[in-house]
C-alpha atoms as a PDB file:
ATOM      1  CA  ALA A   1      -1.368   3.392  17.633  1.00  0.00           C
ATOM      2  CA  CYS A   2      -3.847   4.055  15.101  1.00  0.00           C
ATOM      3  CA  ASP A   3      -6.305   0.982  14.288  1.00  0.00           C
ATOM      4  CA  LEU A   4      -6.078   0.937  10.580  1.00  0.00           C
ATOM      5  CA  THR A   5      -7.460  -1.782   8.023  1.00  0.00           C
ATOM      6  CA  LEU A   6      -6.613  -2.015   4.342  1.00  0.00           C
ATOM      7  CA  ASP A   7      -9.047  -1.105   1.846  1.00  0.00           C
ATOM      8  CA  LEU A   8      -9.850  -4.016  -0.596  1.00  0.00           C
ATOM      9  CA  ASN A   9     -10.798  -1.482  -3.267  1.00  0.00           C
ATOM     10  CA  THR A  10      -7.419  -0.033  -3.572  1.00  0.00           C
ATOM     11  CA  ALA A  11      -5.509  -3.326  -3.370  1.00  0.00           C
ATOM     12  CA  ASN A  12      -3.241  -4.466  -6.525  1.00  0.00           C
ATOM     13  CA  THR A  13      -4.671  -7.829  -7.485  1.00  0.00           C
ATOM     14  CA  LYS A  14      -1.495  -9.244  -6.675  1.00  0.00           C
ATOM     15  CA  LEU A  15      -2.466  -8.759  -3.041  1.00  0.00           C
ATOM     16  CA  ILE A  16      -4.418 -10.683  -0.820  1.00  0.00           C
ATOM     17  CA  LEU A  17      -5.917  -9.318   2.143  1.00  0.00           C
ATOM     18  CA  SER A  18      -6.578 -11.283   5.475  1.00  0.00           C
ATOM     19  CA  GLU A  19      -6.918 -11.197   9.050  1.00  0.00           C
ATOM     20  CA  GLY A  20      -9.412  -8.561   8.898  1.00  0.00           C
ATOM     21  CA  ASN A  21      -8.166  -6.758   6.083  1.00  0.00           C
ATOM     22  CA  ARG A  22      -4.907  -5.924   8.279  1.00  0.00           C
ATOM     23  CA  LYS A  23      -2.357  -8.043   6.085  1.00  0.00           C
ATOM     24  CA  ALA A  24      -1.369  -8.103   2.730  1.00  0.00           C
ATOM     25  CA  THR A  25       0.577 -10.910   1.493  1.00  0.00           C
ATOM     26  CA  LEU A  26       2.090 -10.618  -2.382  1.00  0.00           C
ATOM     27  CA  VAL A  27       1.223 -13.645  -4.568  1.00  0.00           C
ATOM     28  CA  GLU A  28       2.224 -14.613  -7.833  1.00  0.00           C
ATOM     29  CA  ASP A  29      -1.264 -14.802  -9.445  1.00  0.00           C
ATOM     30  CA  HIS A  30      -3.756 -11.932  -9.832  1.00  0.00           C
ATOM     31  CA  GLN A  31      -6.809 -11.994  -7.889  1.00  0.00           C
ATOM     32  CA  ALA A  32     -10.261 -12.011  -9.250  1.00  0.00           C
ATOM     33  CA  TYR A  33     -10.977  -8.491  -7.608  1.00  0.00           C
ATOM     34  CA  PRO A  34     -13.675  -6.695  -9.457  1.00  0.00           C
ATOM     35  CA  ASP A  35     -12.463  -3.478 -11.278  1.00  0.00           C
ATOM     36  CA  HIS A  36     -12.377  -0.398  -9.357  1.00  0.00           C
ATOM     37  CA  LEU A  37     -11.435   3.021  -9.999  1.00  0.00           C
ATOM     38  CA  GLU A  38      -9.405   3.380  -6.911  1.00  0.00           C
ATOM     39  CA  ARG A  39      -7.347   0.088  -7.354  1.00  0.00           C
ATOM     40  CA  PHE A  40      -3.494   0.464  -8.288  1.00  0.00           C
ATOM     41  CA  GLU A  41      -3.354  -1.205 -11.564  1.00  0.00           C
ATOM     42  CA  HIS A  42       0.348  -1.968 -11.931  1.00  0.00           C
ATOM     43  CA  TYR A  43       2.256  -1.624  -8.508  1.00  0.00           C
ATOM     44  CA  GLU A  44       1.700  -3.847  -5.863  1.00  0.00           C
ATOM     45  CA  GLN A  45       0.205  -1.486  -3.361  1.00  0.00           C
ATOM     46  CA  VAL A  46      -2.900  -1.081  -1.106  1.00  0.00           C
ATOM     47  CA  LEU A  47      -4.002   1.901   0.642  1.00  0.00           C
ATOM     48  CA  CYS A  48      -5.826   1.812   4.133  1.00  0.00           C
ATOM     49  CA  GLY A  49      -9.688   2.588   4.713  1.00  0.00           C
ATOM     50  CA  GLN A  50      -9.104   5.163   7.309  1.00  0.00           C
ATOM     51  CA  SER A  51      -7.443   8.846   6.704  1.00  0.00           C
ATOM     52  CA  LEU A  52      -5.074   9.999   8.910  1.00  0.00           C
ATOM     53  CA  THR A  53      -4.643  13.960  10.542  1.00  0.00           C
ATOM     54  CA  GLY A  54      -2.818  15.336  12.939  1.00  0.00           C
ATOM     55  CA  ARG A  55      -0.207  13.307  14.900  1.00  0.00           C
ATOM     56  CA  CYS A  56      -0.533   9.253  14.470  1.00  0.00           C
ATOM     57  CA  TYR A  57       1.411   6.223  14.801  1.00  0.00           C
ATOM     58  CA  TRP A  58       1.181   2.387  13.732  1.00  0.00           C
ATOM     59  CA  GLU A  59       2.974  -0.494  14.341  1.00  0.00           C
ATOM     60  CA  ALA A  60       3.633  -2.982  11.203  1.00  0.00           C
ATOM     61  CA  GLU A  61       5.259  -6.549  11.252  1.00  0.00           C
ATOM     62  CA  TRP A  62       6.886  -8.084   7.885  1.00  0.00           C
ATOM     63  CA  SER A  63       8.946 -10.588   6.501  1.00  0.00           C
ATOM     64  CA  GLY A  64      11.106 -10.304   3.490  1.00  0.00           C
ATOM     65  CA  TRP A  65      11.039  -6.873   1.570  1.00  0.00           C
ATOM     66  CA  VAL A  66       8.427  -4.015   2.256  1.00  0.00           C
ATOM     67  CA  ASP A  67       7.324  -0.523   1.687  1.00  0.00           C
ATOM     68  CA  ILE A  68       5.573   1.221   4.106  1.00  0.00           C
ATOM     69  CA  ALA A  69       4.156   4.664   3.111  1.00  0.00           C
ATOM     70  CA  VAL A  70       2.175   7.735   3.711  1.00  0.00           C
ATOM     71  CA  THR A  71       0.422   9.095   0.613  1.00  0.00           C
ATOM     72  CA  TYR A  72      -2.127  11.631  -0.347  1.00  0.00           C
ATOM     73  CA  LYS A  73      -5.308   9.987  -1.418  1.00  0.00           C
ATOM     74  CA  GLY A  74      -4.762  11.792  -4.864  1.00  0.00           C
ATOM     75  CA  ILE A  75      -1.872   9.260  -5.468  1.00  0.00           C
ATOM     76  CA  GLY A  76      -2.349   8.010  -9.316  1.00  0.00           C
ATOM     77  CA  ARG A  77      -3.429   4.415  -9.498  1.00  0.00           C
ATOM     78  CA  LYS A  78      -3.384   3.542 -13.333  1.00  0.00           C
ATOM     79  CA  GLY A  79      -0.093   2.959 -15.352  1.00  0.00           C
ATOM     80  CA  ARG A  80       3.196   2.737 -14.469  1.00  0.00           C
ATOM     81  CA  SER A  81       4.693   5.772 -13.639  1.00  0.00           C
ATOM     82  CA  ASP A  82       6.391   7.485 -10.638  1.00  0.00           C
ATOM     83  CA  GLU A  83       2.821   9.140 -10.038  1.00  0.00           C
ATOM     84  CA  CYS A  84       1.694   5.929  -9.097  1.00  0.00           C
ATOM     85  CA  ASP A  85       4.617   4.440  -7.311  1.00  0.00           C
ATOM     86  CA  TYR A  86       5.098   5.196  -3.371  1.00  0.00           C
ATOM     87  CA  GLY A  87       7.846   7.475  -2.586  1.00  0.00           C
ATOM     88  CA  LEU A  88       8.539   8.645  -6.097  1.00  0.00           C
ATOM     89  CA  ASN A  89       6.130  11.484  -6.338  1.00  0.00           C
ATOM     90  CA  ASP A  90       5.360  14.739  -4.218  1.00  0.00           C
ATOM     91  CA  LYS A  91       2.252  12.975  -3.139  1.00  0.00           C
ATOM     92  CA  SER A  92       3.842  10.207  -0.785  1.00  0.00           C
ATOM     93  CA  TRP A  93       6.858   9.343   1.481  1.00  0.00           C
ATOM     94  CA  SER A  94       7.953   5.699   1.605  1.00  0.00           C
ATOM     95  CA  LEU A  95      10.147   3.868   3.942  1.00  0.00           C
ATOM     96  CA  SER A  96      11.773   0.600   2.304  1.00  0.00           C
ATOM     97  CA  CYS A  97      13.007  -2.522   4.285  1.00  0.00           C
ATOM     98  CA  ILE A  98      14.925  -4.999   2.358  1.00  0.00           C
ATOM     99  CA  LYS A  99      17.411  -7.728   3.846  1.00  0.00           C
ATOM    100  CA  GLY A 100      17.960  -5.561   6.850  1.00  0.00           C
ATOM    101  CA  ARG A 101      18.600  -2.167   5.141  1.00  0.00           C
ATOM    102  CA  TYR A 102      16.451   0.941   5.422  1.00  0.00           C
ATOM    103  CA  THR A 103      15.990   3.469   3.056  1.00  0.00           C
ATOM    104  CA  VAL A 104      13.696   6.560   2.597  1.00  0.00           C
END
């Protein structure tokens, strides 16, 4: 499996990263993260710090609902449009897991 960590500079302010930036938790209150050009402004999303090439896989554990996505770094970060939301543009693909149902 690929050894991935999450990039705090891209994390939406409603996400808390923990366990060495390997876990993201959605919270109600915005966190006091510093402004960053790469931060997701509206959607509760975060990117990995590592870029992937070739054939890779990773494993994920979650509770509740989750979107697990693959995206190019060029995905939009500012605003509330499909250009910024995983799986709704030509820069990303997303697997949604909600209440035992999976959609792509």
